[in-house]
Amino acid sequence: ETAAIFDLIGLYDHVTEGSATQEEQVLNRLLIAI
């Protein structure tokens, strides 16, 4: 679970940097919720 949450955090860094695709932005929101 620790590894999975930091996997999400790596994606979140891309989203906040503005380098994520639309699909990655949706996936980011979904993973945050679950």
PDB file of all heavy atoms in Angstrom:
ATOM      1  N   GLU A   1       0.842  -1.194   0.000  1.00  0.00           N
ATOM      2  CA  GLU A   1       0.000   0.000   0.000  1.00  0.00           C
ATOM      3  C   GLU A   1       0.880   1.247   0.000  1.00  0.00           C
ATOM      4  O   GLU A   1       0.558   2.238  -0.669  1.00  0.00           O
ATOM      5  CB  GLU A   1      -0.921   0.006   1.212  1.00  0.00           C
ATOM      6  CG  GLU A   1      -1.987   1.099   1.126  1.00  0.00           C
ATOM      7  CD  GLU A   1      -3.269   0.695   1.809  1.00  0.00           C
ATOM      8  OE1 GLU A   1      -4.044  -0.108   1.234  1.00  0.00           O
ATOM      9  OE2 GLU A   1      -3.501   1.172   2.928  1.00  0.00           O
ATOM     10  N   THR A   2       1.989   1.194   0.711  1.00  0.00           N
ATOM     11  CA  THR A   2       2.937   2.310   0.683  1.00  0.00           C
ATOM     12  C   THR A   2       3.481   2.509  -0.724  1.00  0.00           C
ATOM     13  O   THR A   2       3.517   3.641  -1.240  1.00  0.00           O
ATOM     14  CB  THR A   2       4.089   2.050   1.664  1.00  0.00           C
ATOM     15  OG1 THR A   2       3.566   1.967   2.993  1.00  0.00           O
ATOM     16  CG2 THR A   2       5.123   3.173   1.608  1.00  0.00           C
ATOM     17  N   ALA A   3       3.901   1.423  -1.361  1.00  0.00           N
ATOM     18  CA  ALA A   3       4.427   1.514  -2.731  1.00  0.00           C
ATOM     19  C   ALA A   3       3.371   2.046  -3.689  1.00  0.00           C
ATOM     20  O   ALA A   3       3.664   2.860  -4.576  1.00  0.00           O
ATOM     21  CB  ALA A   3       4.929   0.144  -3.186  1.00  0.00           C
ATOM     22  N   ALA A   4       2.126   1.605  -3.522  1.00  0.00           N
ATOM     23  CA  ALA A   4       1.045   2.034  -4.411  1.00  0.00           C
ATOM     24  C   ALA A   4       0.746   3.523  -4.241  1.00  0.00           C
ATOM     25  O   ALA A   4       0.522   4.241  -5.228  1.00  0.00           O
ATOM     26  CB  ALA A   4      -0.210   1.207  -4.142  1.00  0.00           C
ATOM     27  N   ILE A   5       0.740   3.998  -3.009  1.00  0.00           N
ATOM     28  CA  ILE A   5       0.447   5.415  -2.774  1.00  0.00           C
ATOM     29  C   ILE A   5       1.562   6.291  -3.320  1.00  0.00           C
ATOM     30  O   ILE A   5       1.303   7.359  -3.893  1.00  0.00           O
ATOM     31  CB  ILE A   5       0.175   5.650  -1.278  1.00  0.00           C
ATOM     32  CG1 ILE A   5      -1.204   5.095  -0.931  1.00  0.00           C
ATOM     33  CG2 ILE A   5       0.269   7.131  -0.921  1.00  0.00           C
ATOM     34  CD1 ILE A   5      -1.537   5.063   0.540  1.00  0.00           C
ATOM     35  N   PHE A   6       2.811   5.868  -3.195  1.00  0.00           N
ATOM     36  CA  PHE A   6       3.893   6.658  -3.787  1.00  0.00           C
ATOM     37  C   PHE A   6       3.919   6.532  -5.307  1.00  0.00           C
ATOM     38  O   PHE A   6       4.421   7.426  -6.000  1.00  0.00           O
ATOM     39  CB  PHE A   6       5.232   6.289  -3.160  1.00  0.00           C
ATOM     40  CG  PHE A   6       5.520   7.061  -1.905  1.00  0.00           C
ATOM     41  CD1 PHE A   6       5.199   6.538  -0.657  1.00  0.00           C
ATOM     42  CD2 PHE A   6       6.067   8.330  -1.966  1.00  0.00           C
ATOM     43  CE1 PHE A   6       5.432   7.258   0.505  1.00  0.00           C
ATOM     44  CE2 PHE A   6       6.309   9.067  -0.817  1.00  0.00           C
ATOM     45  CZ  PHE A   6       5.985   8.524   0.429  1.00  0.00           C
ATOM     46  N   ASP A   7       3.379   5.464  -5.845  1.00  0.00           N
ATOM     47  CA  ASP A   7       3.163   5.361  -7.292  1.00  0.00           C
ATOM     48  C   ASP A   7       2.200   6.464  -7.732  1.00  0.00           C
ATOM     49  O   ASP A   7       2.434   7.174  -8.725  1.00  0.00           O
ATOM     50  CB  ASP A   7       2.606   3.974  -7.617  1.00  0.00           C
ATOM     51  CG  ASP A   7       2.568   3.676  -9.114  1.00  0.00           C
ATOM     52  OD1 ASP A   7       1.753   4.306  -9.813  1.00  0.00           O
ATOM     53  OD2 ASP A   7       3.341   2.823  -9.578  1.00  0.00           O
ATOM     54  N   LEU A   8       1.117   6.625  -6.983  1.00  0.00           N
ATOM     55  CA  LEU A   8       0.168   7.710  -7.233  1.00  0.00           C
ATOM     56  C   LEU A   8       0.838   9.069  -7.084  1.00  0.00           C
ATOM     57  O   LEU A   8       0.613   9.972  -7.905  1.00  0.00           O
ATOM     58  CB  LEU A   8      -1.008   7.596  -6.259  1.00  0.00           C
ATOM     59  CG  LEU A   8      -1.843   8.863  -6.027  1.00  0.00           C
ATOM     60  CD1 LEU A   8      -2.546   9.302  -7.302  1.00  0.00           C
ATOM     61  CD2 LEU A   8      -2.846   8.647  -4.896  1.00  0.00           C
ATOM     62  N   ILE A   9       1.662   9.236  -6.062  1.00  0.00           N
ATOM     63  CA  ILE A   9       2.307  10.531  -5.828  1.00  0.00           C
ATOM     64  C   ILE A   9       3.224  10.905  -6.989  1.00  0.00           C
ATOM     65  O   ILE A   9       3.291  12.081  -7.382  1.00  0.00           O
ATOM     66  CB  ILE A   9       3.074  10.507  -4.493  1.00  0.00           C
ATOM     67  CG1 ILE A   9       2.086  10.405  -3.322  1.00  0.00           C
ATOM     68  CG2 ILE A   9       3.937  11.755  -4.334  1.00  0.00           C
ATOM     69  CD1 ILE A   9       2.728  10.056  -1.992  1.00  0.00           C
ATOM     70  N   GLY A  10       3.910   9.924  -7.564  1.00  0.00           N
ATOM     71  CA  GLY A  10       4.715  10.192  -8.751  1.00  0.00           C
ATOM     72  C   GLY A  10       3.870  10.716  -9.891  1.00  0.00           C
ATOM     73  O   GLY A  10       4.257  11.659 -10.603  1.00  0.00           O
ATOM     74  N   LEU A  11       2.680  10.125 -10.066  1.00  0.00           N
ATOM     75  CA  LEU A  11       1.747  10.607 -11.085  1.00  0.00           C
ATOM     76  C   LEU A  11       1.261  12.006 -10.740  1.00  0.00           C
ATOM     77  O   LEU A  11       1.163  12.877 -11.621  1.00  0.00           O
ATOM     78  CB  LEU A  11       0.560   9.637 -11.194  1.00  0.00           C
ATOM     79  CG  LEU A  11      -0.599  10.063 -12.093  1.00  0.00           C
ATOM     80  CD1 LEU A  11      -0.135  10.257 -13.547  1.00  0.00           C
ATOM     81  CD2 LEU A  11      -1.732   9.030 -12.019  1.00  0.00           C
ATOM     82  N   TYR A  12       0.987  12.253  -9.465  1.00  0.00           N
ATOM     83  CA  TYR A  12       0.499  13.569  -9.036  1.00  0.00           C
ATOM     84  C   TYR A  12       1.528  14.658  -9.332  1.00  0.00           C
ATOM     85  O   TYR A  12       1.164  15.782  -9.719  1.00  0.00           O
ATOM     86  CB  TYR A  12       0.166  13.534  -7.551  1.00  0.00           C
ATOM     87  CG  TYR A  12      -0.445  14.812  -7.027  1.00  0.00           C
ATOM     88  CD1 TYR A  12      -1.753  15.150  -7.333  1.00  0.00           C
ATOM     89  CD2 TYR A  12       0.290  15.675  -6.225  1.00  0.00           C
ATOM     90  CE1 TYR A  12      -2.317  16.326  -6.860  1.00  0.00           C
ATOM     91  CE2 TYR A  12      -0.263  16.848  -5.742  1.00  0.00           C
ATOM     92  CZ  TYR A  12      -1.571  17.173  -6.065  1.00  0.00           C
ATOM     93  OH  TYR A  12      -2.126  18.344  -5.595  1.00  0.00           O
ATOM     94  N   ASP A  13       2.802  14.342  -9.164  1.00  0.00           N
ATOM     95  CA  ASP A  13       3.835  15.316  -9.519  1.00  0.00           C
ATOM     96  C   ASP A  13       3.730  15.718 -10.983  1.00  0.00           C
ATOM     97  O   ASP A  13       3.850  16.890 -11.336  1.00  0.00           O
ATOM     98  CB  ASP A  13       5.230  14.747  -9.221  1.00  0.00           C
ATOM     99  CG  ASP A  13       5.791  15.198  -7.882  1.00  0.00           C
ATOM    100  OD1 ASP A  13       5.579  16.367  -7.515  1.00  0.00           O
ATOM    101  OD2 ASP A  13       6.425  14.385  -7.190  1.00  0.00           O
ATOM    102  N   HIS A  14       3.497  14.740 -11.861  1.00  0.00           N
ATOM    103  CA  HIS A  14       3.347  15.046 -13.291  1.00  0.00           C
ATOM    104  C   HIS A  14       2.107  15.907 -13.543  1.00  0.00           C
ATOM    105  O   HIS A  14       2.134  16.833 -14.356  1.00  0.00           O
ATOM    106  CB  HIS A  14       3.263  13.759 -14.103  1.00  0.00           C
ATOM    107  CG  HIS A  14       4.547  12.997 -14.198  1.00  0.00           C
ATOM    108  ND1 HIS A  14       5.705  13.557 -14.703  1.00  0.00           N
ATOM    109  CD2 HIS A  14       4.860  11.731 -13.843  1.00  0.00           C
ATOM    110  CE1 HIS A  14       6.678  12.667 -14.659  1.00  0.00           C
ATOM    111  NE2 HIS A  14       6.195  11.556 -14.142  1.00  0.00           N
ATOM    112  N   VAL A  15       1.021  15.582 -12.845  1.00  0.00           N
ATOM    113  CA  VAL A  15      -0.219  16.343 -13.024  1.00  0.00           C
ATOM    114  C   VAL A  15      -0.027  17.793 -12.600  1.00  0.00           C
ATOM    115  O   VAL A  15      -0.409  18.731 -13.313  1.00  0.00           O
ATOM    116  CB  VAL A  15      -1.372  15.688 -12.238  1.00  0.00           C
ATOM    117  CG1 VAL A  15      -2.600  16.599 -12.222  1.00  0.00           C
ATOM    118  CG2 VAL A  15      -1.732  14.338 -12.837  1.00  0.00           C
ATOM    119  N   THR A  16       0.588  18.016 -11.438  1.00  0.00           N
ATOM    120  CA  THR A  16       0.754  19.388 -10.942  1.00  0.00           C
ATOM    121  C   THR A  16       1.795  20.163 -11.732  1.00  0.00           C
ATOM    122  O   THR A  16       1.760  21.396 -11.766  1.00  0.00           O
ATOM    123  CB  THR A  16       1.131  19.384  -9.447  1.00  0.00           C
ATOM    124  OG1 THR A  16       2.298  18.580  -9.258  1.00  0.00           O
ATOM    125  CG2 THR A  16      -0.008  18.837  -8.613  1.00  0.00           C
ATOM    126  N   GLU A  17       2.702  19.450 -12.374  1.00  0.00           N
ATOM    127  CA  GLU A  17       3.683  20.110 -13.245  1.00  0.00           C
ATOM    128  C   GLU A  17       3.088  20.479 -14.600  1.00  0.00           C
ATOM    129  O   GLU A  17       3.705  21.208 -15.376  1.00  0.00           O
ATOM    130  CB  GLU A  17       4.885  19.190 -13.467  1.00  0.00           C
ATOM    131  CG  GLU A  17       5.742  18.972 -12.225  1.00  0.00           C
ATOM    132  CD  GLU A  17       6.679  17.799 -12.376  1.00  0.00           C
ATOM    133  OE1 GLU A  17       6.643  17.133 -13.451  1.00  0.00           O
ATOM    134  OE2 GLU A  17       7.440  17.520 -11.445  1.00  0.00           O
ATOM    135  N   GLY A  18       1.897  19.944 -14.903  1.00  0.00           N
ATOM    136  CA  GLY A  18       1.249  20.231 -16.175  1.00  0.00           C
ATOM    137  C   GLY A  18       1.694  19.348 -17.315  1.00  0.00           C
ATOM    138  O   GLY A  18       1.396  19.641 -18.482  1.00  0.00           O
ATOM    139  N   SER A  19       2.384  18.239 -17.006  1.00  0.00           N
ATOM    140  CA  SER A  19       2.901  17.363 -18.071  1.00  0.00           C
ATOM    141  C   SER A  19       2.080  16.095 -18.266  1.00  0.00           C
ATOM    142  O   SER A  19       2.453  15.227 -19.052  1.00  0.00           O
ATOM    143  CB  SER A  19       4.353  16.973 -17.754  1.00  0.00           C
ATOM    144  OG  SER A  19       4.449  16.307 -16.502  1.00  0.00           O
ATOM    145  N   ALA A  20       0.941  15.973 -17.568  1.00  0.00           N
ATOM    146  CA  ALA A  20       0.128  14.762 -17.661  1.00  0.00           C
ATOM    147  C   ALA A  20      -0.884  14.861 -18.793  1.00  0.00           C
ATOM    148  O   ALA A  20      -1.378  15.945 -19.119  1.00  0.00           O
ATOM    149  CB  ALA A  20      -0.600  14.524 -16.337  1.00  0.00           C
ATOM    150  N   THR A  21      -1.198  13.717 -19.382  1.00  0.00           N
ATOM    151  CA  THR A  21      -2.242  13.656 -20.408  1.00  0.00           C
ATOM    152  C   THR A  21      -3.614  13.763 -19.741  1.00  0.00           C
ATOM    153  O   THR A  21      -3.746  13.667 -18.520  1.00  0.00           O
ATOM    154  CB  THR A  21      -2.171  12.336 -21.187  1.00  0.00           C
ATOM    155  OG1 THR A  21      -2.477  11.247 -20.281  1.00  0.00           O
ATOM    156  CG2 THR A  21      -0.789  12.120 -21.787  1.00  0.00           C
ATOM    157  N   GLN A  22      -4.643  13.916 -20.558  1.00  0.00           N
ATOM    158  CA  GLN A  22      -5.999  13.981 -20.024  1.00  0.00           C
ATOM    159  C   GLN A  22      -6.352  12.687 -19.293  1.00  0.00           C
ATOM    160  O   GLN A  22      -6.959  12.703 -18.219  1.00  0.00           O
ATOM    161  CB  GLN A  22      -7.007  14.233 -21.157  1.00  0.00           C
ATOM    162  CG  GLN A  22      -8.445  14.346 -20.699  1.00  0.00           C
ATOM    163  CD  GLN A  22      -8.681  15.542 -19.789  1.00  0.00           C
ATOM    164  OE1 GLN A  22      -8.095  16.593 -19.977  1.00  0.00           O
ATOM    165  NE2 GLN A  22      -9.554  15.382 -18.804  1.00  0.00           N
ATOM    166  N   GLU A  23      -5.955  11.552 -19.885  1.00  0.00           N
ATOM    167  CA  GLU A  23      -6.234  10.261 -19.261  1.00  0.00           C
ATOM    168  C   GLU A  23      -5.508  10.137 -17.930  1.00  0.00           C
ATOM    169  O   GLU A  23      -6.061   9.609 -16.955  1.00  0.00           O
ATOM    170  CB  GLU A  23      -5.834   9.112 -20.195  1.00  0.00           C
ATOM    171  CG  GLU A  23      -6.719   8.928 -21.406  1.00  0.00           C
ATOM    172  CD  GLU A  23      -6.458   9.972 -22.480  1.00  0.00           C
ATOM    173  OE1 GLU A  23      -5.397  10.662 -22.416  1.00  0.00           O
ATOM    174  OE2 GLU A  23      -7.304  10.112 -23.384  1.00  0.00           O
ATOM    175  N   GLU A  24      -4.280  10.616 -17.860  1.00  0.00           N
ATOM    176  CA  GLU A  24      -3.530  10.555 -16.608  1.00  0.00           C
ATOM    177  C   GLU A  24      -4.161  11.447 -15.537  1.00  0.00           C
ATOM    178  O   GLU A  24      -4.149  11.098 -14.350  1.00  0.00           O
ATOM    179  CB  GLU A  24      -2.080  10.963 -16.848  1.00  0.00           C
ATOM    180  CG  GLU A  24      -1.262   9.910 -17.590  1.00  0.00           C
ATOM    181  CD  GLU A  24       0.122  10.394 -17.949  1.00  0.00           C
ATOM    182  OE1 GLU A  24       0.285  11.613 -18.213  1.00  0.00           O
ATOM    183  OE2 GLU A  24       1.051   9.561 -17.976  1.00  0.00           O
ATOM    184  N   GLN A  25      -4.719  12.570 -15.940  1.00  0.00           N
ATOM    185  CA  GLN A  25      -5.392  13.440 -14.978  1.00  0.00           C
ATOM    186  C   GLN A  25      -6.624  12.763 -14.394  1.00  0.00           C
ATOM    187  O   GLN A  25      -6.900  12.865 -13.190  1.00  0.00           O
ATOM    188  CB  GLN A  25      -5.774  14.755 -15.654  1.00  0.00           C
ATOM    189  CG  GLN A  25      -4.584  15.608 -16.071  1.00  0.00           C
ATOM    190  CD  GLN A  25      -4.994  16.852 -16.823  1.00  0.00           C
ATOM    191  OE1 GLN A  25      -5.922  17.554 -16.430  1.00  0.00           O
ATOM    192  NE2 GLN A  25      -4.308  17.149 -17.912  1.00  0.00           N
ATOM    193  N   VAL A  26      -7.357  12.053 -15.233  1.00  0.00           N
ATOM    194  CA  VAL A  26      -8.536  11.326 -14.750  1.00  0.00           C
ATOM    195  C   VAL A  26      -8.100  10.182 -13.832  1.00  0.00           C
ATOM    196  O   VAL A  26      -8.674   9.972 -12.755  1.00  0.00           O
ATOM    197  CB  VAL A  26      -9.366  10.776 -15.926  1.00  0.00           C
ATOM    198  CG1 VAL A  26     -10.504   9.882 -15.419  1.00  0.00           C
ATOM    199  CG2 VAL A  26      -9.909  11.918 -16.775  1.00  0.00           C
ATOM    200  N   LEU A  27      -7.079   9.446 -14.260  1.00  0.00           N
ATOM    201  CA  LEU A  27      -6.565   8.343 -13.449  1.00  0.00           C
ATOM    202  C   LEU A  27      -6.079   8.853 -12.091  1.00  0.00           C
ATOM    203  O   LEU A  27      -6.298   8.210 -11.051  1.00  0.00           O
ATOM    204  CB  LEU A  27      -5.427   7.633 -14.184  1.00  0.00           C
ATOM    205  CG  LEU A  27      -4.796   6.440 -13.464  1.00  0.00           C
ATOM    206  CD1 LEU A  27      -5.803   5.302 -13.321  1.00  0.00           C
ATOM    207  CD2 LEU A  27      -3.547   5.962 -14.210  1.00  0.00           C
ATOM    208  N   ASN A  28      -5.446  10.003 -12.079  1.00  0.00           N
ATOM    209  CA  ASN A  28      -4.965  10.616 -10.845  1.00  0.00           C
ATOM    210  C   ASN A  28      -6.118  10.852  -9.879  1.00  0.00           C
ATOM    211  O   ASN A  28      -6.045  10.483  -8.694  1.00  0.00           O
ATOM    212  CB  ASN A  28      -4.262  11.927 -11.184  1.00  0.00           C
ATOM    213  CG  ASN A  28      -3.864  12.731  -9.968  1.00  0.00           C
ATOM    214  OD1 ASN A  28      -2.983  12.364  -9.209  1.00  0.00           O
ATOM    215  ND2 ASN A  28      -4.533  13.871  -9.770  1.00  0.00           N
ATOM    216  N   ARG A  29      -7.193  11.452 -10.356  1.00  0.00           N
ATOM    217  CA  ARG A  29      -8.351  11.715  -9.493  1.00  0.00           C
ATOM    218  C   ARG A  29      -8.957  10.416  -8.980  1.00  0.00           C
ATOM    219  O   ARG A  29      -9.338  10.310  -7.802  1.00  0.00           O
ATOM    220  CB  ARG A  29      -9.413  12.513 -10.255  1.00  0.00           C
ATOM    221  CG  ARG A  29      -9.088  13.981 -10.464  1.00  0.00           C
ATOM    222  CD  ARG A  29     -10.192  14.691 -11.227  1.00  0.00           C
ATOM    223  NE  ARG A  29     -11.491  14.588 -10.554  1.00  0.00           N
ATOM    224  CZ  ARG A  29     -12.626  15.061 -11.083  1.00  0.00           C
ATOM    225  NH1 ARG A  29     -12.617  15.655 -12.275  1.00  0.00           N
ATOM    226  NH2 ARG A  29     -13.761  14.945 -10.422  1.00  0.00           N
ATOM    227  N   LEU A  30      -9.022   9.424  -9.831  1.00  0.00           N
ATOM    228  CA  LEU A  30      -9.601   8.144  -9.444  1.00  0.00           C
ATOM    229  C   LEU A  30      -8.755   7.452  -8.373  1.00  0.00           C
ATOM    230  O   LEU A  30      -9.282   6.978  -7.355  1.00  0.00           O
ATOM    231  CB  LEU A  30      -9.727   7.244 -10.672  1.00  0.00           C
ATOM    232  CG  LEU A  30     -10.259   5.832 -10.421  1.00  0.00           C
ATOM    233  CD1 LEU A  30     -11.707   5.886  -9.973  1.00  0.00           C
ATOM    234  CD2 LEU A  30     -10.111   4.964 -11.662  1.00  0.00           C
ATOM    235  N   LEU A  31      -7.446   7.397  -8.586  1.00  0.00           N
ATOM    236  CA  LEU A  31      -6.568   6.737  -7.631  1.00  0.00           C
ATOM    237  C   LEU A  31      -6.567   7.452  -6.288  1.00  0.00           C
ATOM    238  O   LEU A  31      -6.487   6.817  -5.229  1.00  0.00           O
ATOM    239  CB  LEU A  31      -5.145   6.648  -8.189  1.00  0.00           C
ATOM    240  CG  LEU A  31      -4.942   5.702  -9.367  1.00  0.00           C
ATOM    241  CD1 LEU A  31      -3.504   5.780  -9.877  1.00  0.00           C
ATOM    242  CD2 LEU A  31      -5.289   4.256  -8.995  1.00  0.00           C
ATOM    243  N   ILE A  32      -6.654   8.777  -6.306  1.00  0.00           N
ATOM    244  CA  ILE A  32      -6.717   9.529  -5.050  1.00  0.00           C
ATOM    245  C   ILE A  32      -7.934   9.082  -4.242  1.00  0.00           C
ATOM    246  O   ILE A  32      -7.836   8.818  -3.035  1.00  0.00           O
ATOM    247  CB  ILE A  32      -6.774  11.045  -5.315  1.00  0.00           C
ATOM    248  CG1 ILE A  32      -5.412  11.553  -5.805  1.00  0.00           C
ATOM    249  CG2 ILE A  32      -7.196  11.798  -4.052  1.00  0.00           C
ATOM    250  CD1 ILE A  32      -5.420  12.995  -6.265  1.00  0.00           C
ATOM    251  N   ALA A  33      -9.074   8.955  -4.918  1.00  0.00           N
ATOM    252  CA  ALA A  33     -10.304   8.578  -4.216  1.00  0.00           C
ATOM    253  C   ALA A  33     -10.224   7.162  -3.649  1.00  0.00           C
ATOM    254  O   ALA A  33     -10.536   6.927  -2.476  1.00  0.00           O
ATOM    255  CB  ALA A  33     -11.501   8.710  -5.153  1.00  0.00           C
ATOM    256  N   ILE A  34      -9.803   6.207  -4.465  1.00  0.00           N
ATOM    257  CA  ILE A  34      -9.844   4.812  -4.002  1.00  0.00           C
ATOM    258  C   ILE A  34      -8.745   4.514  -2.978  1.00  0.00           C
ATOM    259  O   ILE A  34      -8.963   3.738  -2.040  1.00  0.00           O
ATOM    260  CB  ILE A  34      -9.793   3.813  -5.179  1.00  0.00           C
ATOM    261  CG1 ILE A  34      -8.490   3.888  -5.945  1.00  0.00           C
ATOM    262  CG2 ILE A  34     -10.993   4.015  -6.102  1.00  0.00           C
ATOM    263  CD1 ILE A  34      -8.371   2.844  -7.063  1.00  0.00           C
TER     264      ILE A  34
END
